[in-house]
């Protein structure tokens, strides 16, 4: 446990599943072990609530995946995939995640954001202005440096991918990729593994 963390802290965990999915896929051709991510987020502190934000795309394995997330301790928040004229797809939880954090701030001491999306920088600044500590868990290679600089504590998953990924992670071949928040919605190929 980091010196700024202590057992009495009340923790809220907020996981941007789509961001984690694409980062793990693009960097390591692997999948995130959300059970291990939750353990790293909470440490030995008091978990108040843990949310996993997912996009419902009506593919076969998603019910199983959502159920696995629930089983390891997440409250799964689902949103329908939007498909626009011309075939463009959109699915994000930015506003919903932010509102959940704002609602929970009076009941927690620490916000743990599991995302590298720089759009959440203002959210972390707001939480800090309310006296809440902010922590980020994300892949440093695909995450926003401004987000990391704003957080009180950052865990860079790239420094120990074997801890946070399922199986033996291997580096993906180099190729230009869109940032995770600009890519299509995953077809819920990620897995929710336990400890």
N, C-alpha and C. Protein backbone atom coordinates (compact mmCIF):
# COMPACT_ATOMS: atom_id res chain seq x y z
N UNK A 1 0.85 -1.18 0.00
CA UNK A 1 0.00 0.00 0.00
C UNK A 1 0.90 1.24 0.00
N UNK A 2 0.53 2.22 -0.79
CA UNK A 2 1.22 3.49 -0.88
C UNK A 2 1.05 4.26 0.43
N UNK A 3 2.02 5.10 0.83
CA UNK A 3 1.88 5.86 2.08
C UNK A 3 0.65 6.77 2.14
N UNK A 4 0.09 7.14 0.98
CA UNK A 4 -1.11 8.00 0.99
C UNK A 4 -2.39 7.17 1.16
N UNK A 5 -2.25 5.85 1.17
CA UNK A 5 -3.40 4.97 1.32
C UNK A 5 -3.42 4.40 2.74
N UNK A 6 -4.62 4.28 3.32
CA UNK A 6 -4.74 3.65 4.63
C UNK A 6 -6.06 2.92 4.73
N UNK A 7 -6.13 1.97 5.65
CA UNK A 7 -7.26 1.05 5.76
C UNK A 7 -8.61 1.72 5.99
N UNK A 8 -8.61 2.89 6.60
CA UNK A 8 -9.88 3.56 6.92
C UNK A 8 -10.50 4.27 5.73
N UNK A 9 -9.76 4.41 4.65
CA UNK A 9 -10.28 5.12 3.49
C UNK A 9 -11.45 4.38 2.85
N UNK A 10 -12.49 5.15 2.53
CA UNK A 10 -13.65 4.62 1.80
C UNK A 10 -13.41 4.86 0.32
N UNK A 11 -13.50 3.78 -0.46
CA UNK A 11 -13.09 3.83 -1.87
C UNK A 11 -14.27 3.57 -2.80
N UNK A 12 -14.34 4.36 -3.86
CA UNK A 12 -15.26 4.11 -4.97
C UNK A 12 -14.43 3.82 -6.21
N UNK A 13 -14.79 2.77 -6.93
CA UNK A 13 -14.03 2.34 -8.12
C UNK A 13 -14.93 2.48 -9.35
N UNK A 14 -14.39 3.09 -10.41
CA UNK A 14 -15.16 3.39 -11.61
C UNK A 14 -14.35 2.92 -12.82
N UNK A 15 -14.83 1.86 -13.49
CA UNK A 15 -14.07 1.22 -14.56
C UNK A 15 -14.70 1.50 -15.93
N UNK A 16 -13.93 2.15 -16.79
CA UNK A 16 -14.30 2.38 -18.18
C UNK A 16 -13.88 1.12 -18.95
N UNK A 17 -14.78 0.15 -19.05
CA UNK A 17 -14.46 -1.16 -19.62
C UNK A 17 -13.99 -1.03 -21.07
N UNK A 18 -14.63 -0.20 -21.86
CA UNK A 18 -14.26 -0.04 -23.26
C UNK A 18 -12.82 0.45 -23.40
N UNK A 19 -12.44 1.44 -22.60
CA UNK A 19 -11.07 1.96 -22.65
C UNK A 19 -10.05 0.87 -22.31
N UNK A 20 -10.35 0.08 -21.29
CA UNK A 20 -9.44 -0.99 -20.88
C UNK A 20 -9.37 -2.09 -21.95
N UNK A 21 -10.51 -2.39 -22.55
CA UNK A 21 -10.57 -3.42 -23.58
C UNK A 21 -9.64 -3.09 -24.74
N UNK A 22 -9.78 -1.89 -25.29
CA UNK A 22 -8.97 -1.53 -26.45
C UNK A 22 -7.50 -1.36 -26.13
N UNK A 23 -7.21 -0.84 -24.96
CA UNK A 23 -5.80 -0.70 -24.59
C UNK A 23 -5.13 -2.07 -24.50
N UNK A 24 -5.77 -3.02 -23.82
CA UNK A 24 -5.19 -4.36 -23.68
C UNK A 24 -5.09 -5.06 -25.03
N UNK A 25 -6.10 -4.89 -25.85
CA UNK A 25 -6.11 -5.54 -27.17
C UNK A 25 -5.02 -4.96 -28.07
N UNK A 26 -4.92 -3.63 -28.12
CA UNK A 26 -3.98 -2.98 -29.02
C UNK A 26 -2.53 -3.09 -28.56
N UNK A 27 -2.30 -3.05 -27.27
CA UNK A 27 -0.93 -3.10 -26.75
C UNK A 27 -0.40 -4.52 -26.61
N UNK A 28 -1.27 -5.45 -26.18
CA UNK A 28 -0.79 -6.77 -25.79
C UNK A 28 -1.54 -7.93 -26.44
N UNK A 29 -2.49 -7.64 -27.32
CA UNK A 29 -3.39 -8.67 -27.86
C UNK A 29 -3.87 -9.58 -26.74
N UNK A 30 -4.33 -8.97 -25.67
CA UNK A 30 -4.74 -9.70 -24.48
C UNK A 30 -6.03 -9.09 -23.93
N UNK A 31 -6.46 -9.63 -22.80
CA UNK A 31 -7.68 -9.17 -22.14
C UNK A 31 -7.38 -8.82 -20.69
N UNK A 32 -8.13 -7.89 -20.16
CA UNK A 32 -7.93 -7.42 -18.80
C UNK A 32 -8.55 -8.39 -17.80
N UNK A 33 -7.84 -8.63 -16.72
CA UNK A 33 -8.36 -9.41 -15.59
C UNK A 33 -8.95 -8.40 -14.61
N UNK A 34 -10.25 -8.18 -14.70
CA UNK A 34 -10.91 -7.15 -13.91
C UNK A 34 -10.92 -7.47 -12.41
N UNK A 35 -10.83 -8.72 -12.05
CA UNK A 35 -10.72 -9.08 -10.63
C UNK A 35 -9.43 -8.55 -10.04
N UNK A 36 -8.34 -8.69 -10.77
CA UNK A 36 -7.05 -8.18 -10.30
C UNK A 36 -7.03 -6.65 -10.30
N UNK A 37 -7.68 -6.05 -11.26
CA UNK A 37 -7.77 -4.59 -11.29
C UNK A 37 -8.52 -4.09 -10.05
N UNK A 38 -9.62 -4.77 -9.71
CA UNK A 38 -10.39 -4.38 -8.52
C UNK A 38 -9.55 -4.52 -7.26
N UNK A 39 -8.80 -5.61 -7.15
CA UNK A 39 -7.92 -5.79 -5.98
C UNK A 39 -6.89 -4.68 -5.88
N UNK A 40 -6.29 -4.30 -7.01
CA UNK A 40 -5.29 -3.23 -7.02
C UNK A 40 -5.91 -1.89 -6.65
N UNK A 41 -7.16 -1.69 -7.06
CA UNK A 41 -7.84 -0.43 -6.77
C UNK A 41 -8.18 -0.30 -5.29
N UNK A 42 -8.63 -1.38 -4.70
CA UNK A 42 -9.11 -1.31 -3.31
C UNK A 42 -7.97 -1.45 -2.32
N UNK A 43 -6.99 -2.32 -2.60
CA UNK A 43 -5.93 -2.66 -1.65
C UNK A 43 -6.61 -3.23 -0.41
N UNK A 44 -6.24 -2.79 0.78
CA UNK A 44 -6.87 -3.26 2.02
C UNK A 44 -7.84 -2.22 2.58
N UNK A 45 -8.37 -1.38 1.70
CA UNK A 45 -9.25 -0.30 2.15
C UNK A 45 -10.70 -0.75 2.09
N UNK A 46 -11.61 0.15 2.48
CA UNK A 46 -13.04 -0.15 2.54
C UNK A 46 -13.71 0.20 1.21
N UNK A 47 -14.15 -0.81 0.49
CA UNK A 47 -14.85 -0.58 -0.78
C UNK A 47 -16.28 -0.17 -0.49
N UNK A 48 -16.66 0.99 -0.99
CA UNK A 48 -18.05 1.45 -0.86
C UNK A 48 -18.86 0.93 -2.05
N UNK A 49 -18.40 1.21 -3.26
CA UNK A 49 -19.06 0.70 -4.47
C UNK A 49 -18.04 0.60 -5.59
N UNK A 50 -18.26 -0.35 -6.49
CA UNK A 50 -17.41 -0.52 -7.67
C UNK A 50 -18.32 -0.65 -8.88
N UNK A 51 -18.14 0.24 -9.84
CA UNK A 51 -18.96 0.24 -11.05
C UNK A 51 -18.13 -0.17 -12.26
N UNK A 52 -18.71 -0.98 -13.13
CA UNK A 52 -18.12 -1.32 -14.42
C UNK A 52 -19.09 -0.84 -15.49
N UNK A 53 -18.62 0.03 -16.36
CA UNK A 53 -19.46 0.65 -17.39
C UNK A 53 -19.25 -0.10 -18.71
N UNK A 54 -20.32 -0.70 -19.22
CA UNK A 54 -20.22 -1.54 -20.42
C UNK A 54 -21.24 -1.09 -21.47
N UNK A 55 -20.95 -1.48 -22.71
CA UNK A 55 -21.85 -1.22 -23.82
C UNK A 55 -22.51 -2.53 -24.22
N UNK A 56 -23.83 -2.51 -24.27
CA UNK A 56 -24.59 -3.70 -24.63
C UNK A 56 -24.74 -3.74 -26.15
N UNK A 57 -24.14 -4.77 -26.75
CA UNK A 57 -24.15 -4.86 -28.21
C UNK A 57 -24.91 -6.10 -28.71
N UNK A 58 -25.58 -6.80 -27.81
CA UNK A 58 -26.34 -8.00 -28.14
C UNK A 58 -25.52 -9.05 -28.89
N UNK A 59 -24.37 -9.37 -28.31
CA UNK A 59 -23.57 -10.48 -28.83
C UNK A 59 -23.59 -11.59 -27.79
N UNK A 60 -23.36 -12.80 -28.22
CA UNK A 60 -23.54 -13.98 -27.39
C UNK A 60 -22.87 -13.98 -26.03
N UNK A 61 -21.61 -13.63 -25.96
CA UNK A 61 -20.86 -13.80 -24.72
C UNK A 61 -21.05 -12.66 -23.72
N UNK A 62 -21.78 -11.61 -24.09
CA UNK A 62 -21.82 -10.46 -23.18
C UNK A 62 -22.57 -10.74 -21.88
N UNK A 63 -23.63 -11.53 -21.90
CA UNK A 63 -24.34 -11.84 -20.65
C UNK A 63 -23.42 -12.57 -19.68
N UNK A 64 -22.64 -13.49 -20.21
CA UNK A 64 -21.69 -14.22 -19.38
C UNK A 64 -20.62 -13.28 -18.82
N UNK A 65 -20.13 -12.40 -19.66
CA UNK A 65 -19.13 -11.42 -19.23
C UNK A 65 -19.69 -10.49 -18.16
N UNK A 66 -20.88 -9.94 -18.39
CA UNK A 66 -21.50 -9.04 -17.42
C UNK A 66 -21.74 -9.77 -16.09
N UNK A 67 -22.17 -11.04 -16.17
CA UNK A 67 -22.37 -11.84 -14.97
C UNK A 67 -21.08 -12.07 -14.21
N UNK A 68 -19.98 -12.29 -14.94
CA UNK A 68 -18.68 -12.49 -14.29
C UNK A 68 -18.23 -11.22 -13.58
N UNK A 69 -18.49 -10.06 -14.19
CA UNK A 69 -18.15 -8.79 -13.53
C UNK A 69 -18.94 -8.64 -12.22
N UNK A 70 -20.21 -8.97 -12.27
CA UNK A 70 -21.05 -8.89 -11.07
C UNK A 70 -20.54 -9.83 -9.99
N UNK A 71 -20.18 -11.02 -10.38
CA UNK A 71 -19.71 -12.03 -9.43
C UNK A 71 -18.45 -11.60 -8.68
N UNK A 72 -17.56 -10.84 -9.34
CA UNK A 72 -16.33 -10.42 -8.66
C UNK A 72 -16.50 -9.13 -7.88
N UNK A 73 -17.71 -8.54 -7.92
CA UNK A 73 -17.97 -7.40 -7.04
C UNK A 73 -18.34 -6.09 -7.71
N UNK A 74 -18.50 -6.09 -9.03
CA UNK A 74 -18.87 -4.86 -9.72
C UNK A 74 -20.37 -4.72 -9.86
N UNK A 75 -20.84 -3.49 -9.80
CA UNK A 75 -22.19 -3.16 -10.22
C UNK A 75 -22.06 -2.82 -11.70
N UNK A 76 -22.68 -3.61 -12.55
CA UNK A 76 -22.53 -3.42 -13.99
C UNK A 76 -23.57 -2.42 -14.48
N UNK A 77 -23.07 -1.38 -15.11
CA UNK A 77 -23.94 -0.36 -15.69
C UNK A 77 -23.90 -0.55 -17.21
N UNK A 78 -25.06 -0.86 -17.78
CA UNK A 78 -25.14 -1.16 -19.22
C UNK A 78 -25.77 -0.01 -19.98
N UNK A 79 -25.27 0.19 -21.19
CA UNK A 79 -25.85 1.18 -22.10
C UNK A 79 -25.92 0.53 -23.48
N UNK A 80 -26.99 0.80 -24.20
CA UNK A 80 -27.16 0.26 -25.54
C UNK A 80 -26.18 0.89 -26.51
N UNK A 81 -25.69 0.11 -27.44
CA UNK A 81 -24.85 0.60 -28.52
C UNK A 81 -25.71 1.43 -29.47
N UNK A 82 -25.23 2.62 -29.80
CA UNK A 82 -25.95 3.46 -30.74
C UNK A 82 -25.36 3.24 -32.13
N UNK A 83 -26.22 2.99 -33.11
CA UNK A 83 -25.76 2.84 -34.50
C UNK A 83 -26.45 3.93 -35.31
N UNK A 84 -25.64 4.76 -35.94
CA UNK A 84 -26.14 5.91 -36.68
C UNK A 84 -26.30 5.58 -38.16
N UNK A 85 -27.06 6.43 -38.85
CA UNK A 85 -27.22 6.30 -40.28
C UNK A 85 -25.83 6.30 -40.91
N UNK A 86 -25.57 5.36 -41.78
CA UNK A 86 -24.26 5.25 -42.41
C UNK A 86 -23.39 4.20 -41.73
N UNK A 87 -23.87 3.66 -40.60
CA UNK A 87 -23.15 2.58 -39.95
C UNK A 87 -22.22 2.96 -38.82
N UNK A 88 -22.02 4.25 -38.56
CA UNK A 88 -21.15 4.66 -37.46
C UNK A 88 -21.74 4.18 -36.14
N UNK A 89 -20.86 3.77 -35.23
CA UNK A 89 -21.29 3.26 -33.93
C UNK A 89 -20.73 4.13 -32.83
N UNK A 90 -21.52 4.25 -31.77
CA UNK A 90 -21.05 5.02 -30.62
C UNK A 90 -21.54 4.36 -29.35
N UNK A 91 -20.67 4.32 -28.40
CA UNK A 91 -21.04 3.80 -27.09
C UNK A 91 -20.05 4.29 -26.07
N UNK A 92 -20.46 5.22 -25.26
CA UNK A 92 -19.57 5.67 -24.20
C UNK A 92 -20.38 6.04 -22.97
N UNK A 93 -19.69 6.05 -21.86
CA UNK A 93 -20.31 6.28 -20.57
C UNK A 93 -19.77 7.54 -19.89
N UNK A 94 -19.12 8.44 -20.63
CA UNK A 94 -18.44 9.57 -20.00
C UNK A 94 -19.33 10.33 -19.01
N UNK A 95 -20.49 10.75 -19.45
CA UNK A 95 -21.36 11.55 -18.59
C UNK A 95 -21.91 10.70 -17.44
N UNK A 96 -22.33 9.47 -17.72
CA UNK A 96 -22.87 8.60 -16.68
C UNK A 96 -21.85 8.30 -15.59
N UNK A 97 -20.61 8.01 -15.99
CA UNK A 97 -19.55 7.75 -15.01
C UNK A 97 -19.32 8.99 -14.15
N UNK A 98 -19.23 10.14 -14.80
CA UNK A 98 -19.01 11.40 -14.06
C UNK A 98 -20.13 11.66 -13.06
N UNK A 99 -21.37 11.43 -13.46
CA UNK A 99 -22.49 11.67 -12.55
C UNK A 99 -22.44 10.71 -11.36
N UNK A 100 -22.08 9.46 -11.59
CA UNK A 100 -21.95 8.52 -10.47
C UNK A 100 -20.89 8.96 -9.49
N UNK A 101 -19.76 9.46 -10.00
CA UNK A 101 -18.70 9.96 -9.11
C UNK A 101 -19.21 11.14 -8.29
N UNK A 102 -19.85 12.11 -8.96
CA UNK A 102 -20.36 13.29 -8.26
C UNK A 102 -21.36 12.89 -7.17
N UNK A 103 -22.23 11.93 -7.46
CA UNK A 103 -23.21 11.49 -6.47
C UNK A 103 -22.56 10.78 -5.28
N UNK A 104 -21.46 10.09 -5.54
CA UNK A 104 -20.82 9.29 -4.49
C UNK A 104 -19.79 10.06 -3.67
N UNK A 105 -19.34 11.21 -4.15
CA UNK A 105 -18.28 11.97 -3.47
C UNK A 105 -18.54 12.19 -1.98
N UNK A 106 -19.77 12.50 -1.54
CA UNK A 106 -19.98 12.71 -0.09
C UNK A 106 -19.77 11.44 0.75
N UNK A 107 -19.74 10.27 0.12
CA UNK A 107 -19.66 9.01 0.85
C UNK A 107 -18.31 8.31 0.74
N UNK A 108 -17.36 8.91 0.00
CA UNK A 108 -16.06 8.26 -0.20
C UNK A 108 -14.91 9.22 0.10
N UNK A 109 -13.75 8.63 0.32
CA UNK A 109 -12.52 9.39 0.53
C UNK A 109 -11.61 9.34 -0.69
N UNK A 110 -11.80 8.31 -1.53
CA UNK A 110 -10.93 8.09 -2.69
C UNK A 110 -11.76 7.68 -3.90
N UNK A 111 -11.51 8.34 -5.03
CA UNK A 111 -12.06 7.92 -6.33
C UNK A 111 -10.94 7.19 -7.05
N UNK A 112 -11.21 5.93 -7.44
CA UNK A 112 -10.26 5.20 -8.27
C UNK A 112 -10.89 5.07 -9.66
N UNK A 113 -10.29 5.76 -10.61
CA UNK A 113 -10.74 5.73 -12.00
C UNK A 113 -9.88 4.74 -12.77
N UNK A 114 -10.51 3.77 -13.38
CA UNK A 114 -9.79 2.79 -14.19
C UNK A 114 -10.06 3.15 -15.65
N UNK A 115 -9.23 4.05 -16.16
CA UNK A 115 -9.34 4.55 -17.52
C UNK A 115 -8.15 5.46 -17.78
N UNK A 116 -7.74 5.52 -19.04
CA UNK A 116 -6.70 6.46 -19.42
C UNK A 116 -7.25 7.62 -20.22
N UNK A 117 -8.56 7.75 -20.30
CA UNK A 117 -9.24 8.76 -21.11
C UNK A 117 -9.07 10.15 -20.50
N UNK A 118 -8.40 11.03 -21.24
CA UNK A 118 -8.15 12.38 -20.77
C UNK A 118 -9.40 13.21 -20.55
N UNK A 119 -10.54 12.77 -21.09
CA UNK A 119 -11.80 13.50 -20.86
C UNK A 119 -12.18 13.53 -19.39
N UNK A 120 -11.61 12.63 -18.60
CA UNK A 120 -11.94 12.58 -17.17
C UNK A 120 -11.08 13.50 -16.31
N UNK A 121 -10.18 14.27 -16.92
CA UNK A 121 -9.31 15.15 -16.15
C UNK A 121 -10.10 16.14 -15.31
N UNK A 122 -11.12 16.77 -15.90
CA UNK A 122 -11.94 17.73 -15.15
C UNK A 122 -12.65 17.05 -13.99
N UNK A 123 -13.06 15.81 -14.16
CA UNK A 123 -13.72 15.07 -13.09
C UNK A 123 -12.76 14.89 -11.91
N UNK A 124 -11.52 14.53 -12.19
CA UNK A 124 -10.55 14.36 -11.11
C UNK A 124 -10.28 15.69 -10.41
N UNK A 125 -10.19 16.76 -11.18
CA UNK A 125 -9.98 18.09 -10.58
C UNK A 125 -11.15 18.45 -9.67
N UNK A 126 -12.36 18.15 -10.11
CA UNK A 126 -13.53 18.43 -9.27
C UNK A 126 -13.49 17.60 -7.99
N UNK A 127 -13.20 16.32 -8.11
CA UNK A 127 -13.15 15.45 -6.92
C UNK A 127 -12.11 15.97 -5.93
N UNK A 128 -10.95 16.37 -6.42
CA UNK A 128 -9.90 16.90 -5.53
C UNK A 128 -10.37 18.19 -4.86
N UNK A 129 -11.13 19.02 -5.58
CA UNK A 129 -11.64 20.26 -5.00
C UNK A 129 -12.63 20.00 -3.87
N UNK A 130 -13.20 18.79 -3.85
CA UNK A 130 -14.14 18.40 -2.81
C UNK A 130 -13.46 17.63 -1.68
N UNK A 131 -12.14 17.57 -1.70
CA UNK A 131 -11.39 16.91 -0.64
C UNK A 131 -11.22 15.41 -0.81
N UNK A 132 -11.54 14.90 -2.00
CA UNK A 132 -11.45 13.47 -2.26
C UNK A 132 -10.13 13.19 -2.99
N UNK A 133 -9.40 12.18 -2.54
CA UNK A 133 -8.18 11.77 -3.23
C UNK A 133 -8.55 11.09 -4.53
N UNK A 134 -7.66 11.21 -5.52
CA UNK A 134 -7.93 10.63 -6.83
C UNK A 134 -6.79 9.70 -7.23
N UNK A 135 -7.17 8.53 -7.72
CA UNK A 135 -6.21 7.55 -8.19
C UNK A 135 -6.65 7.06 -9.56
N UNK A 136 -5.67 6.79 -10.42
CA UNK A 136 -5.95 6.30 -11.76
C UNK A 136 -5.19 5.00 -11.97
N UNK A 137 -5.88 4.02 -12.54
CA UNK A 137 -5.24 2.78 -12.98
C UNK A 137 -5.48 2.71 -14.48
N UNK A 138 -4.40 2.65 -15.27
CA UNK A 138 -4.54 2.64 -16.72
C UNK A 138 -3.22 2.23 -17.35
N UNK A 139 -3.28 1.99 -18.65
CA UNK A 139 -2.08 1.71 -19.43
C UNK A 139 -1.42 3.05 -19.79
N UNK A 140 -0.20 3.24 -19.35
CA UNK A 140 0.50 4.50 -19.60
C UNK A 140 0.69 4.81 -21.07
N UNK A 141 0.85 3.78 -21.90
CA UNK A 141 1.12 4.00 -23.32
C UNK A 141 -0.09 4.52 -24.08
N UNK A 142 -1.29 4.25 -23.59
CA UNK A 142 -2.49 4.74 -24.29
C UNK A 142 -3.25 5.76 -23.46
N UNK A 143 -2.75 6.06 -22.28
CA UNK A 143 -3.44 6.99 -21.39
C UNK A 143 -3.00 8.42 -21.57
N UNK A 144 -3.79 9.31 -21.05
CA UNK A 144 -3.53 10.75 -21.12
C UNK A 144 -2.54 11.17 -20.03
N UNK A 145 -1.45 11.80 -20.44
CA UNK A 145 -0.47 12.27 -19.45
C UNK A 145 -1.08 13.34 -18.55
N UNK A 146 -1.99 14.14 -19.08
CA UNK A 146 -2.65 15.17 -18.26
C UNK A 146 -3.51 14.52 -17.17
N UNK A 147 -4.20 13.44 -17.52
CA UNK A 147 -4.99 12.70 -16.54
C UNK A 147 -4.09 12.16 -15.44
N UNK A 148 -2.97 11.55 -15.84
CA UNK A 148 -2.03 10.98 -14.86
C UNK A 148 -1.45 12.07 -13.97
N UNK A 149 -1.13 13.23 -14.54
CA UNK A 149 -0.56 14.33 -13.76
C UNK A 149 -1.57 14.91 -12.77
N UNK A 150 -2.85 14.84 -13.11
CA UNK A 150 -3.90 15.38 -12.24
C UNK A 150 -4.17 14.48 -11.04
N UNK A 151 -4.03 13.17 -11.22
CA UNK A 151 -4.33 12.21 -10.15
C UNK A 151 -3.31 12.31 -9.02
N UNK A 152 -3.78 12.02 -7.80
CA UNK A 152 -2.87 11.97 -6.66
C UNK A 152 -1.94 10.76 -6.75
N UNK A 153 -2.43 9.68 -7.35
CA UNK A 153 -1.66 8.45 -7.48
C UNK A 153 -2.05 7.77 -8.78
N UNK A 154 -1.06 7.24 -9.52
CA UNK A 154 -1.33 6.54 -10.76
C UNK A 154 -0.65 5.18 -10.73
N UNK A 155 -1.38 4.16 -11.14
CA UNK A 155 -0.81 2.83 -11.34
C UNK A 155 -0.77 2.60 -12.84
N UNK A 156 0.44 2.49 -13.38
CA UNK A 156 0.64 2.28 -14.81
C UNK A 156 0.65 0.77 -15.06
N UNK A 157 -0.40 0.27 -15.69
CA UNK A 157 -0.53 -1.16 -15.96
C UNK A 157 0.55 -1.67 -16.91
N UNK A 158 1.15 -0.77 -17.70
CA UNK A 158 2.23 -1.18 -18.60
C UNK A 158 3.48 -1.61 -17.85
N UNK A 159 3.63 -1.15 -16.63
CA UNK A 159 4.83 -1.52 -15.86
C UNK A 159 4.80 -2.95 -15.37
N UNK A 160 3.61 -3.54 -15.28
CA UNK A 160 3.49 -4.95 -14.89
C UNK A 160 2.24 -5.57 -15.53
N UNK A 161 2.24 -5.68 -16.86
CA UNK A 161 1.05 -6.20 -17.54
C UNK A 161 0.69 -7.61 -17.12
N UNK A 162 1.67 -8.40 -16.71
CA UNK A 162 1.39 -9.77 -16.29
C UNK A 162 0.47 -9.81 -15.06
N UNK A 163 0.44 -8.73 -14.30
CA UNK A 163 -0.42 -8.67 -13.11
C UNK A 163 -1.87 -8.41 -13.52
N UNK A 164 -2.08 -7.62 -14.56
CA UNK A 164 -3.41 -7.14 -14.89
C UNK A 164 -4.07 -7.81 -16.10
N UNK A 165 -3.33 -8.63 -16.82
CA UNK A 165 -3.88 -9.24 -18.02
C UNK A 165 -4.07 -10.73 -17.84
N UNK A 166 -4.96 -11.29 -18.64
CA UNK A 166 -5.26 -12.71 -18.59
C UNK A 166 -4.23 -13.46 -19.44
N UNK A 167 -3.70 -14.52 -18.89
CA UNK A 167 -2.72 -15.30 -19.65
C UNK A 167 -1.39 -14.59 -19.73
N UNK A 168 -0.59 -15.01 -20.66
CA UNK A 168 0.74 -14.41 -20.84
C UNK A 168 0.63 -13.28 -21.87
N UNK A 169 0.78 -12.05 -21.42
CA UNK A 169 0.65 -10.93 -22.36
C UNK A 169 1.81 -10.91 -23.35
N UNK A 170 1.50 -10.58 -24.58
CA UNK A 170 2.55 -10.39 -25.57
C UNK A 170 2.28 -9.07 -26.27
N UNK A 171 3.33 -8.40 -26.61
CA UNK A 171 3.19 -7.10 -27.27
C UNK A 171 2.55 -7.27 -28.63
N UNK A 172 1.61 -6.40 -28.93
CA UNK A 172 0.97 -6.42 -30.24
C UNK A 172 1.93 -5.86 -31.27
N UNK A 173 1.82 -6.30 -32.52
CA UNK A 173 2.68 -5.73 -33.56
C UNK A 173 2.44 -4.23 -33.69
N UNK A 174 3.49 -3.49 -33.99
CA UNK A 174 3.36 -2.04 -34.14
C UNK A 174 2.51 -1.72 -35.35
N UNK A 175 1.53 -0.87 -35.12
CA UNK A 175 0.68 -0.38 -36.20
C UNK A 175 -0.03 0.85 -35.68
N UNK A 176 -0.34 1.78 -36.56
CA UNK A 176 -1.04 2.98 -36.09
C UNK A 176 -2.45 2.62 -35.63
N UNK A 177 -2.82 3.09 -34.47
CA UNK A 177 -4.15 2.83 -33.91
C UNK A 177 -4.79 4.14 -33.48
N UNK A 178 -6.09 4.15 -33.50
CA UNK A 178 -6.82 5.27 -32.93
C UNK A 178 -6.71 5.16 -31.41
N UNK A 179 -6.79 6.28 -30.70
CA UNK A 179 -6.87 6.19 -29.24
C UNK A 179 -8.10 5.38 -28.86
N UNK A 180 -8.08 4.70 -27.70
CA UNK A 180 -9.20 3.84 -27.32
C UNK A 180 -10.56 4.50 -27.37
N UNK A 181 -10.63 5.79 -26.99
CA UNK A 181 -11.95 6.41 -26.96
C UNK A 181 -12.49 6.75 -28.33
N UNK A 182 -11.67 6.60 -29.41
CA UNK A 182 -12.13 6.90 -30.76
C UNK A 182 -12.42 5.65 -31.57
N UNK A 183 -12.29 4.48 -30.98
CA UNK A 183 -12.50 3.25 -31.73
C UNK A 183 -13.93 2.77 -31.58
N UNK A 184 -14.27 1.80 -32.41
CA UNK A 184 -15.60 1.21 -32.32
C UNK A 184 -15.77 0.52 -30.98
N UNK A 185 -16.99 0.27 -30.61
CA UNK A 185 -17.31 -0.39 -29.36
C UNK A 185 -16.91 -1.86 -29.43
N UNK A 186 -16.32 -2.42 -28.36
CA UNK A 186 -15.94 -3.83 -28.40
C UNK A 186 -17.17 -4.71 -28.46
N UNK A 187 -16.97 -5.88 -28.98
CA UNK A 187 -18.04 -6.86 -29.01
C UNK A 187 -17.96 -7.73 -27.76
N UNK A 188 -17.56 -7.11 -26.66
CA UNK A 188 -17.50 -7.74 -25.34
C UNK A 188 -16.70 -9.02 -25.35
N UNK A 189 -15.50 -8.96 -25.94
CA UNK A 189 -14.61 -10.10 -25.94
C UNK A 189 -13.82 -10.18 -24.65
N UNK A 190 -13.85 -9.10 -23.85
CA UNK A 190 -13.07 -9.11 -22.61
C UNK A 190 -13.64 -10.12 -21.64
N UNK A 191 -12.83 -10.51 -20.68
CA UNK A 191 -13.26 -11.47 -19.69
C UNK A 191 -13.16 -10.83 -18.31
N UNK A 192 -13.94 -11.29 -17.40
CA UNK A 192 -13.85 -10.85 -16.02
C UNK A 192 -13.35 -12.04 -15.24
N UNK A 193 -12.08 -12.05 -14.99
CA UNK A 193 -11.51 -13.15 -14.23
C UNK A 193 -11.48 -12.79 -12.76
N UNK A 194 -11.52 -13.77 -11.92
CA UNK A 194 -11.41 -13.55 -10.48
C UNK A 194 -9.97 -13.39 -10.11
N UNK A 195 -9.69 -13.55 -8.84
CA UNK A 195 -8.33 -13.32 -8.34
C UNK A 195 -7.38 -14.32 -8.88
